[in-house]
PDB file of N, CA and C in Angstrom:
ATOM      1  N   MET A   1     -45.318 -76.156  -7.511  1.00  0.00           N
ATOM      2  CA  MET A   1     -45.477 -74.921  -6.341  1.00  0.00           C
ATOM      3  C   MET A   1     -45.424 -73.724  -6.515  1.00  0.00           C
ATOM      4  N   LEU A   2     -46.223 -73.313  -6.337  1.00  0.00           N
ATOM      5  CA  LEU A   2     -45.828 -71.518  -6.735  1.00  0.00           C
ATOM      6  C   LEU A   2     -45.596 -71.008  -5.334  1.00  0.00           C
ATOM      7  N   ASP A   3     -44.523 -70.162  -5.706  1.00  0.00           N
ATOM      8  CA  ASP A   3     -43.904 -68.914  -4.882  1.00  0.00           C
ATOM      9  C   ASP A   3     -44.738 -68.754  -3.662  1.00  0.00           C
ATOM     10  N   HIS A   4     -46.031 -68.018  -4.031  1.00  0.00           N
ATOM     11  CA  HIS A   4     -46.814 -68.186  -3.192  1.00  0.00           C
ATOM     12  C   HIS A   4     -47.196 -69.181  -1.865  1.00  0.00           C
ATOM     13  N   ASP A   5     -47.335 -70.180  -2.762  1.00  0.00           N
ATOM     14  CA  ASP A   5     -47.640 -71.001  -1.661  1.00  0.00           C
ATOM     15  C   ASP A   5     -46.494 -71.470  -0.523  1.00  0.00           C
ATOM     16  N   LEU A   6     -45.116 -71.601  -1.075  1.00  0.00           N
ATOM     17  CA  LEU A   6     -44.240 -71.796  -0.052  1.00  0.00           C
ATOM     18  C   LEU A   6     -44.262 -70.561   0.819  1.00  0.00           C
ATOM     19  N   LYS A   7     -44.507 -69.674   0.414  1.00  0.00           N
ATOM     20  CA  LYS A   7     -44.691 -68.369   1.406  1.00  0.00           C
ATOM     21  C   LYS A   7     -45.491 -68.826   2.473  1.00  0.00           C
ATOM     22  N   ASP A   8     -46.891 -69.208   2.098  1.00  0.00           N
ATOM     23  CA  ASP A   8     -47.878 -69.334   2.979  1.00  0.00           C
ATOM     24  C   ASP A   8     -47.862 -70.669   3.936  1.00  0.00           C
ATOM     25  N   LYS A   9     -46.965 -71.779   3.269  1.00  0.00           N
ATOM     26  CA  LYS A   9     -46.584 -72.512   4.276  1.00  0.00           C
ATOM     27  C   LYS A   9     -45.707 -72.367   5.364  1.00  0.00           C
ATOM     28  N   ASP A  10     -44.715 -71.358   4.863  1.00  0.00           N
ATOM     29  CA  ASP A  10     -43.442 -70.902   5.729  1.00  0.00           C
ATOM     30  C   ASP A  10     -44.478 -70.147   6.904  1.00  0.00           C
ATOM     31  N   ALA A  11     -45.203 -69.076   6.691  1.00  0.00           N
ATOM     32  CA  ALA A  11     -46.059 -68.585   7.527  1.00  0.00           C
ATOM     33  C   ALA A  11     -46.779 -69.484   8.406  1.00  0.00           C
ATOM     34  N   GLU A  12     -47.414 -70.654   7.949  1.00  0.00           N
ATOM     35  CA  GLU A  12     -48.177 -71.655   8.840  1.00  0.00           C
ATOM     36  C   GLU A  12     -47.150 -72.018   9.809  1.00  0.00           C
ATOM     37  N   ARG A  13     -45.973 -72.435   9.534  1.00  0.00           N
ATOM     38  CA  ARG A  13     -44.903 -73.057  10.452  1.00  0.00           C
ATOM     39  C   ARG A  13     -44.714 -72.149  11.569  1.00  0.00           C
ATOM     40  N   ARG A  14     -44.229 -70.986  11.404  1.00  0.00           N
ATOM     41  CA  ARG A  14     -44.136 -69.982  12.374  1.00  0.00           C
ATOM     42  C   ARG A  14     -44.902 -69.696  13.312  1.00  0.00           C
ATOM     43  N   HIS A  15     -46.349 -69.966  12.842  1.00  0.00           N
ATOM     44  CA  HIS A  15     -47.173 -69.918  14.184  1.00  0.00           C
ATOM     45  C   HIS A  15     -47.582 -70.843  14.443  1.00  0.00           C
ATOM     46  N   ASP A  16     -46.796 -71.946  14.579  1.00  0.00           N
ATOM     47  CA  ASP A  16     -47.237 -73.417  15.191  1.00  0.00           C
ATOM     48  C   ASP A  16     -45.837 -73.487  15.834  1.00  0.00           C
ATOM     49  N   LEU A  17     -44.834 -72.463  16.270  1.00  0.00           N
ATOM     50  CA  LEU A  17     -43.570 -72.607  16.866  1.00  0.00           C
ATOM     51  C   LEU A  17     -44.099 -72.052  18.544  1.00  0.00           C
ATOM     52  N   LYS A  18     -43.307 -72.586  19.452  1.00  0.00           N
ATOM     53  CA  LYS A  18     -43.366 -72.197  20.571  1.00  0.00           C
ATOM     54  C   LYS A  18     -42.033 -72.193  21.539  1.00  0.00           C
ATOM     55  N   GLU A  19     -41.797 -71.248  22.264  1.00  0.00           N
ATOM     56  CA  GLU A  19     -40.289 -70.974  22.658  1.00  0.00           C
ATOM     57  C   GLU A  19     -40.309 -72.247  23.810  1.00  0.00           C
ATOM     58  N   VAL A  20     -38.983 -72.588  23.908  1.00  0.00           N
ATOM     59  CA  VAL A  20     -38.501 -74.141  24.488  1.00  0.00           C
ATOM     60  C   VAL A  20     -37.430 -73.474  25.735  1.00  0.00           C
ATOM     61  N   THR A  21     -36.761 -72.695  25.487  1.00  0.00           N
ATOM     62  CA  THR A  21     -35.810 -72.078  26.473  1.00  0.00           C
ATOM     63  C   THR A  21     -35.300 -70.747  25.891  1.00  0.00           C
ATOM     64  N   ARG A  22     -34.523 -70.243  26.538  1.00  0.00           N
ATOM     65  CA  ARG A  22     -33.608 -69.012  26.606  1.00  0.00           C
ATOM     66  C   ARG A  22     -32.130 -69.370  27.025  1.00  0.00           C
ATOM     67  N   VAL A  23     -31.415 -69.050  26.202  1.00  0.00           N
ATOM     68  CA  VAL A  23     -29.825 -69.006  26.559  1.00  0.00           C
ATOM     69  C   VAL A  23     -29.169 -67.742  26.236  1.00  0.00           C
ATOM     70  N   GLN A  24     -28.017 -67.689  27.001  1.00  0.00           N
ATOM     71  CA  GLN A  24     -27.223 -66.396  26.808  1.00  0.00           C
ATOM     72  C   GLN A  24     -26.125 -66.398  26.072  1.00  0.00           C
ATOM     73  N   GLY A  25     -26.258 -65.990  24.641  1.00  0.00           N
ATOM     74  CA  GLY A  25     -25.058 -65.958  23.504  1.00  0.00           C
ATOM     75  C   GLY A  25     -25.396 -67.073  22.587  1.00  0.00           C
ATOM     76  N   PRO A  26     -24.432 -67.271  21.254  1.00  0.00           N
ATOM     77  CA  PRO A  26     -24.756 -68.150  20.316  1.00  0.00           C
ATOM     78  C   PRO A  26     -24.394 -69.363  20.634  1.00  0.00           C
ATOM     79  N   VAL A  27     -23.145 -69.213  21.175  1.00  0.00           N
ATOM     80  CA  VAL A  27     -22.462 -70.562  21.541  1.00  0.00           C
ATOM     81  C   VAL A  27     -23.331 -71.548  22.110  1.00  0.00           C
ATOM     82  N   GLU A  28     -23.823 -71.054  23.187  1.00  0.00           N
ATOM     83  CA  GLU A  28     -24.933 -71.983  24.135  1.00  0.00           C
ATOM     84  C   GLU A  28     -26.286 -72.259  23.029  1.00  0.00           C
ATOM     85  N   ALA A  29     -26.610 -71.341  22.268  1.00  0.00           N
ATOM     86  CA  ALA A  29     -27.926 -71.808  21.245  1.00  0.00           C
ATOM     87  C   ALA A  29     -27.365 -73.041  20.425  1.00  0.00           C
ATOM     88  N   GLU A  30     -26.115 -72.858  20.039  1.00  0.00           N
ATOM     89  CA  GLU A  30     -25.695 -74.104  19.008  1.00  0.00           C
ATOM     90  C   GLU A  30     -25.343 -75.123  19.513  1.00  0.00           C
ATOM     91  N   VAL A  31     -25.382 -75.174  20.652  1.00  0.00           N
ATOM     92  CA  VAL A  31     -25.066 -76.641  21.178  1.00  0.00           C
ATOM     93  C   VAL A  31     -26.530 -77.261  21.830  1.00  0.00           C
ATOM     94  N   ILE A  32     -27.561 -76.317  22.203  1.00  0.00           N
ATOM     95  CA  ILE A  32     -28.964 -76.907  22.275  1.00  0.00           C
ATOM     96  C   ILE A  32     -29.519 -77.275  20.788  1.00  0.00           C
ATOM     97  N   LYS A  33     -29.301 -76.265  20.140  1.00  0.00           N
ATOM     98  CA  LYS A  33     -29.594 -76.563  18.661  1.00  0.00           C
ATOM     99  C   LYS A  33     -29.232 -77.975  18.082  1.00  0.00           C
ATOM    100  N   ASN A  34     -28.114 -78.240  18.152  1.00  0.00           N
ATOM    101  CA  ASN A  34     -27.407 -79.151  17.596  1.00  0.00           C
ATOM    102  C   ASN A  34     -27.534 -80.480  18.609  1.00  0.00           C
ATOM    103  N   PHE A  35     -28.138 -80.470  20.023  1.00  0.00           N
ATOM    104  CA  PHE A  35     -28.634 -81.606  20.319  1.00  0.00           C
ATOM    105  C   PHE A  35     -30.096 -81.862  20.111  1.00  0.00           C
ATOM    106  N   LEU A  36     -30.805 -80.868  19.884  1.00  0.00           N
ATOM    107  CA  LEU A  36     -32.681 -81.101  19.849  1.00  0.00           C
ATOM    108  C   LEU A  36     -32.342 -81.881  17.986  1.00  0.00           C
ATOM    109  N   GLU A  37     -31.324 -81.355  17.165  1.00  0.00           N
ATOM    110  CA  GLU A  37     -31.551 -81.771  15.540  1.00  0.00           C
ATOM    111  C   GLU A  37     -30.955 -83.083  15.654  1.00  0.00           C
ATOM    112  N   SER A  38     -30.117 -83.663  16.813  1.00  0.00           N
ATOM    113  CA  SER A  38     -29.762 -84.868  16.687  1.00  0.00           C
ATOM    114  C   SER A  38     -30.695 -85.759  17.465  1.00  0.00           C
ATOM    115  N   GLU A  39     -31.805 -85.064  17.861  1.00  0.00           N
ATOM    116  CA  GLU A  39     -33.007 -86.108  18.596  1.00  0.00           C
ATOM    117  C   GLU A  39     -34.035 -85.602  17.373  1.00  0.00           C
ATOM    118  N   GLY A  40     -33.818 -85.433  16.180  1.00  0.00           N
ATOM    119  CA  GLY A  40     -34.924 -85.274  15.278  1.00  0.00           C
ATOM    120  C   GLY A  40     -36.241 -83.884  15.416  1.00  0.00           C
ATOM    121  N   ILE A  41     -35.480 -82.942  16.145  1.00  0.00           N
ATOM    122  CA  ILE A  41     -36.177 -81.831  16.448  1.00  0.00           C
ATOM    123  C   ILE A  41     -35.737 -80.577  15.624  1.00  0.00           C
ATOM    124  N   SER A  42     -36.337 -79.892  15.017  1.00  0.00           N
ATOM    125  CA  SER A  42     -35.705 -78.757  14.517  1.00  0.00           C
ATOM    126  C   SER A  42     -36.311 -77.430  15.181  1.00  0.00           C
ATOM    127  N   CYS A  43     -35.152 -76.675  15.409  1.00  0.00           N
ATOM    128  CA  CYS A  43     -35.111 -75.354  15.858  1.00  0.00           C
ATOM    129  C   CYS A  43     -34.945 -74.243  15.582  1.00  0.00           C
ATOM    130  N   PHE A  44     -35.541 -72.933  15.933  1.00  0.00           N
ATOM    131  CA  PHE A  44     -35.537 -71.769  15.365  1.00  0.00           C
ATOM    132  C   PHE A  44     -34.779 -70.589  16.783  1.00  0.00           C
ATOM    133  N   PHE A  45     -34.164 -69.750  15.964  1.00  0.00           N
ATOM    134  CA  PHE A  45     -33.215 -68.712  17.260  1.00  0.00           C
ATOM    135  C   PHE A  45     -34.368 -67.727  16.649  1.00  0.00           C
ATOM    136  N   LYS A  46     -34.304 -66.668  18.068  1.00  0.00           N
ATOM    137  CA  LYS A  46     -34.716 -65.460  17.971  1.00  0.00           C
ATOM    138  C   LYS A  46     -33.967 -64.789  19.175  1.00  0.00           C
ATOM    139  N   GLY A  47     -33.519 -63.627  18.553  1.00  0.00           N
ATOM    140  CA  GLY A  47     -32.808 -62.765  19.695  1.00  0.00           C
ATOM    141  C   GLY A  47     -33.102 -61.569  19.427  1.00  0.00           C
ATOM    142  N   LEU A  48     -32.222 -60.478  20.329  1.00  0.00           N
ATOM    143  CA  LEU A  48     -32.517 -59.112  20.358  1.00  0.00           C
ATOM    144  C   LEU A  48     -31.272 -58.193  19.606  1.00  0.00           C
ATOM    145  N   ILE A  49     -29.909 -58.883  19.386  1.00  0.00           N
ATOM    146  CA  ILE A  49     -29.144 -57.870  18.548  1.00  0.00           C
ATOM    147  C   ILE A  49     -28.600 -59.219  17.672  1.00  0.00           C
ATOM    148  N   VAL A  50     -27.585 -58.727  16.890  1.00  0.00           N
ATOM    149  CA  VAL A  50     -26.461 -59.644  16.093  1.00  0.00           C
ATOM    150  C   VAL A  50     -25.186 -59.535  17.233  1.00  0.00           C
ATOM    151  N   PRO A  51     -24.943 -61.137  17.531  1.00  0.00           N
ATOM    152  CA  PRO A  51     -23.976 -61.362  18.234  1.00  0.00           C
ATOM    153  C   PRO A  51     -22.702 -60.731  17.490  1.00  0.00           C
ATOM    154  N   SER A  52     -22.228 -60.745  16.086  1.00  0.00           N
ATOM    155  CA  SER A  52     -21.056 -60.190  15.635  1.00  0.00           C
ATOM    156  C   SER A  52     -20.954 -59.039  15.709  1.00  0.00           C
ATOM    157  N   VAL A  53     -22.349 -58.289  16.033  1.00  0.00           N
ATOM    158  CA  VAL A  53     -22.251 -56.565  15.842  1.00  0.00           C
ATOM    159  C   VAL A  53     -21.612 -56.085  17.371  1.00  0.00           C
ATOM    160  N   HIS A  54     -22.556 -56.993  18.236  1.00  0.00           N
ATOM    161  CA  HIS A  54     -22.162 -56.367  19.627  1.00  0.00           C
ATOM    162  C   HIS A  54     -21.954 -57.621  20.419  1.00  0.00           C
ATOM    163  N   PRO A  55     -20.776 -58.119  20.456  1.00  0.00           N
ATOM    164  CA  PRO A  55     -20.248 -59.580  21.033  1.00  0.00           C
ATOM    165  C   PRO A  55     -19.947 -59.808  22.311  1.00  0.00           C
ATOM    166  N   PHE A  56     -21.428 -59.348  23.437  1.00  0.00           N
ATOM    167  CA  PHE A  56     -21.114 -59.290  24.645  1.00  0.00           C
ATOM    168  C   PHE A  56     -22.963 -59.435  24.828  1.00  0.00           C
ATOM    169  N   THR A  57     -23.006 -59.788  26.240  1.00  0.00           N
ATOM    170  CA  THR A  57     -24.557 -59.761  27.056  1.00  0.00           C
ATOM    171  C   THR A  57     -24.289 -58.918  27.776  1.00  0.00           C
ATOM    172  N   ALA A  58     -25.406 -58.312  28.000  1.00  0.00           N
ATOM    173  CA  ALA A  58     -25.832 -57.662  29.097  1.00  0.00           C
ATOM    174  C   ALA A  58     -27.250 -57.221  29.065  1.00  0.00           C
ATOM    175  N   ASP A  59     -27.967 -57.199  30.718  1.00  0.00           N
ATOM    176  CA  ASP A  59     -29.483 -57.146  30.541  1.00  0.00           C
ATOM    177  C   ASP A  59     -30.363 -58.192  29.442  1.00  0.00           C
ATOM    178  N   GLY A  60     -29.880 -59.133  29.292  1.00  0.00           N
ATOM    179  CA  GLY A  60     -30.545 -59.902  28.311  1.00  0.00           C
ATOM    180  C   GLY A  60     -30.311 -59.193  27.048  1.00  0.00           C
ATOM    181  N   LEU A  61     -29.573 -58.632  26.509  1.00  0.00           N
ATOM    182  CA  LEU A  61     -29.592 -58.274  25.081  1.00  0.00           C
ATOM    183  C   LEU A  61     -28.725 -59.457  24.400  1.00  0.00           C
ATOM    184  N   GLY A  62     -27.912 -60.272  24.987  1.00  0.00           N
ATOM    185  CA  GLY A  62     -27.437 -61.537  24.045  1.00  0.00           C
ATOM    186  C   GLY A  62     -28.104 -62.388  24.224  1.00  0.00           C
ATOM    187  N   GLU A  63     -29.526 -62.511  24.579  1.00  0.00           N
ATOM    188  CA  GLU A  63     -30.350 -63.592  24.994  1.00  0.00           C
ATOM    189  C   GLU A  63     -31.180 -64.054  23.790  1.00  0.00           C
ATOM    190  N   ILE A  64     -30.852 -65.062  23.476  1.00  0.00           N
ATOM    191  CA  ILE A  64     -31.319 -65.732  22.379  1.00  0.00           C
ATOM    192  C   ILE A  64     -32.547 -66.694  22.523  1.00  0.00           C
ATOM    193  N   LYS A  65     -33.817 -66.530  22.150  1.00  0.00           N
ATOM    194  CA  LYS A  65     -34.593 -67.707  22.342  1.00  0.00           C
ATOM    195  C   LYS A  65     -34.815 -68.533  21.245  1.00  0.00           C
ATOM    196  N   ILE A  66     -35.137 -69.788  21.764  1.00  0.00           N
ATOM    197  CA  ILE A  66     -34.961 -71.002  21.096  1.00  0.00           C
ATOM    198  C   ILE A  66     -36.314 -71.677  20.635  1.00  0.00           C
ATOM    199  N   PHE A  67     -36.920 -71.489  19.417  1.00  0.00           N
ATOM    200  CA  PHE A  67     -38.095 -72.075  19.849  1.00  0.00           C
ATOM    201  C   PHE A  67     -38.321 -73.707  18.510  1.00  0.00           C
ATOM    202  N   VAL A  68     -39.316 -74.387  19.064  1.00  0.00           N
ATOM    203  CA  VAL A  68     -39.718 -75.744  18.455  1.00  0.00           C
ATOM    204  C   VAL A  68     -40.890 -75.632  17.815  1.00  0.00           C
ATOM    205  N   GLN A  69     -41.199 -76.200  16.879  1.00  0.00           N
ATOM    206  CA  GLN A  69     -42.694 -76.442  16.576  1.00  0.00           C
ATOM    207  C   GLN A  69     -43.472 -76.829  17.645  1.00  0.00           C
ATOM    208  N   GLU A  70     -44.990 -76.371  17.867  1.00  0.00           N
ATOM    209  CA  GLU A  70     -45.404 -76.925  18.956  1.00  0.00           C
ATOM    210  C   GLU A  70     -45.334 -78.623  19.152  1.00  0.00           C
ATOM    211  N   SER A  71     -45.799 -79.003  18.253  1.00  0.00           N
ATOM    212  CA  SER A  71     -45.905 -80.683  18.478  1.00  0.00           C
ATOM    213  C   SER A  71     -44.618 -81.411  18.888  1.00  0.00           C
ATOM    214  N   ASP A  72     -43.834 -80.457  18.961  1.00  0.00           N
ATOM    215  CA  ASP A  72     -42.081 -80.941  19.688  1.00  0.00           C
ATOM    216  C   ASP A  72     -41.960 -80.815  20.773  1.00  0.00           C
ATOM    217  N   TRP A  73     -42.470 -79.583  21.493  1.00  0.00           N
ATOM    218  CA  TRP A  73     -42.291 -78.922  22.517  1.00  0.00           C
ATOM    219  C   TRP A  73     -42.336 -79.523  23.650  1.00  0.00           C
ATOM    220  N   GLU A  74     -43.106 -80.462  23.905  1.00  0.00           N
ATOM    221  CA  GLU A  74     -43.227 -81.442  25.411  1.00  0.00           C
ATOM    222  C   GLU A  74     -41.836 -82.283  24.987  1.00  0.00           C
ATOM    223  N   ASN A  75     -41.540 -83.098  24.041  1.00  0.00           N
ATOM    224  CA  ASN A  75     -40.584 -83.773  23.992  1.00  0.00           C
ATOM    225  C   ASN A  75     -39.397 -82.958  24.050  1.00  0.00           C
ATOM    226  N   ALA A  76     -38.905 -81.970  23.458  1.00  0.00           N
ATOM    227  CA  ALA A  76     -38.198 -80.953  23.554  1.00  0.00           C
ATOM    228  C   ALA A  76     -37.616 -80.750  25.005  1.00  0.00           C
ATOM    229  N   LYS A  77     -38.865 -79.833  25.747  1.00  0.00           N
ATOM    230  CA  LYS A  77     -38.724 -79.852  27.139  1.00  0.00           C
ATOM    231  C   LYS A  77     -38.159 -81.028  28.024  1.00  0.00           C
ATOM    232  N   ASN A  78     -38.702 -82.091  27.691  1.00  0.00           N
ATOM    233  CA  ASN A  78     -38.174 -82.965  28.323  1.00  0.00           C
ATOM    234  C   ASN A  78     -36.565 -83.389  28.151  1.00  0.00           C
ATOM    235  N   LEU A  79     -36.216 -83.625  26.829  1.00  0.00           N
ATOM    236  CA  LEU A  79     -35.003 -84.008  26.679  1.00  0.00           C
ATOM    237  C   LEU A  79     -34.129 -82.875  26.961  1.00  0.00           C
ATOM    238  N   LEU A  80     -34.320 -81.448  27.038  1.00  0.00           N
ATOM    239  CA  LEU A  80     -33.518 -80.348  27.604  1.00  0.00           C
ATOM    240  C   LEU A  80     -33.581 -80.619  29.135  1.00  0.00           C
ATOM    241  N   GLU A  81     -34.510 -80.816  30.115  1.00  0.00           N
ATOM    242  CA  GLU A  81     -34.201 -81.114  31.401  1.00  0.00           C
ATOM    243  C   GLU A  81     -33.760 -82.047  31.891  1.00  0.00           C
ATOM    244  N   ASN A  82     -33.998 -83.163  30.998  1.00  0.00           N
ATOM    245  CA  ASN A  82     -32.978 -84.653  31.281  1.00  0.00           C
ATOM    246  C   ASN A  82     -31.401 -84.425  30.886  1.00  0.00           C
ATOM    247  N   ARG A  83     -31.247 -83.551  30.164  1.00  0.00           N
ATOM    248  CA  ARG A  83     -29.814 -83.650  29.805  1.00  0.00           C
ATOM    249  C   ARG A  83     -29.124 -82.393  30.690  1.00  0.00           C
ATOM    250  N   ASP A  84     -30.055 -81.753  31.587  1.00  0.00           N
ATOM    251  CA  ASP A  84     -29.272 -81.088  32.710  1.00  0.00           C
ATOM    252  C   ASP A  84     -28.906 -79.696  31.885  1.00  0.00           C
ATOM    253  N   PHE A  85     -29.957 -79.201  30.914  1.00  0.00           N
ATOM    254  CA  PHE A  85     -29.440 -77.955  30.168  1.00  0.00           C
ATOM    255  C   PHE A  85     -30.357 -76.864  31.344  1.00  0.00           C
ATOM    256  N   SER A  86     -30.152 -75.696  31.186  1.00  0.00           N
ATOM    257  CA  SER A  86     -31.048 -74.729  32.342  1.00  0.00           C
ATOM    258  C   SER A  86     -32.501 -74.389  31.529  1.00  0.00           C
ATOM    259  N   VAL A  87     -33.445 -75.012  31.680  1.00  0.00           N
ATOM    260  CA  VAL A  87     -34.700 -74.682  30.980  1.00  0.00           C
ATOM    261  C   VAL A  87     -35.453 -73.875  31.958  1.00  0.00           C
ATOM    262  N   GLU A  88     -35.650 -72.262  31.303  1.00  0.00           N
ATOM    263  CA  GLU A  88     -36.754 -72.019  32.350  1.00  0.00           C
ATOM    264  C   GLU A  88     -38.022 -72.324  32.302  1.00  0.00           C
ATOM    265  N   SER A  89     -38.739 -72.330  33.265  1.00  0.00           N
ATOM    266  CA  SER A  89     -40.098 -73.201  33.590  1.00  0.00           C
ATOM    267  C   SER A  89     -41.389 -71.770  32.983  1.00  0.00           C
ATOM    268  N   GLU A  90     -42.154 -72.393  32.421  1.00  0.00           N
ATOM    269  CA  GLU A  90     -43.107 -71.171  31.416  1.00  0.00           C
ATOM    270  C   GLU A  90     -43.931 -70.556  32.680  1.00  0.00           C
TER     271      GLU A  90
END
């Protein structure tokens, strides 16, 4: 497979992502990531700052958004709600 083919596939996957929840800080994000991956659901993070540079959370600066594939979104949302993680409603 050619390098540009791999880049195209990665771009396609990113377009299929849907936010499942938001958390404050990397520790909580890692807990949720490990939980979802143990259930067979891959997830990805997106945050406003790098926590190692600014190790604090204020006014959403430490907020991390957790995304899953759109096809896994409903299952991930249900798993998080049933595990009593705080999940923001859409």
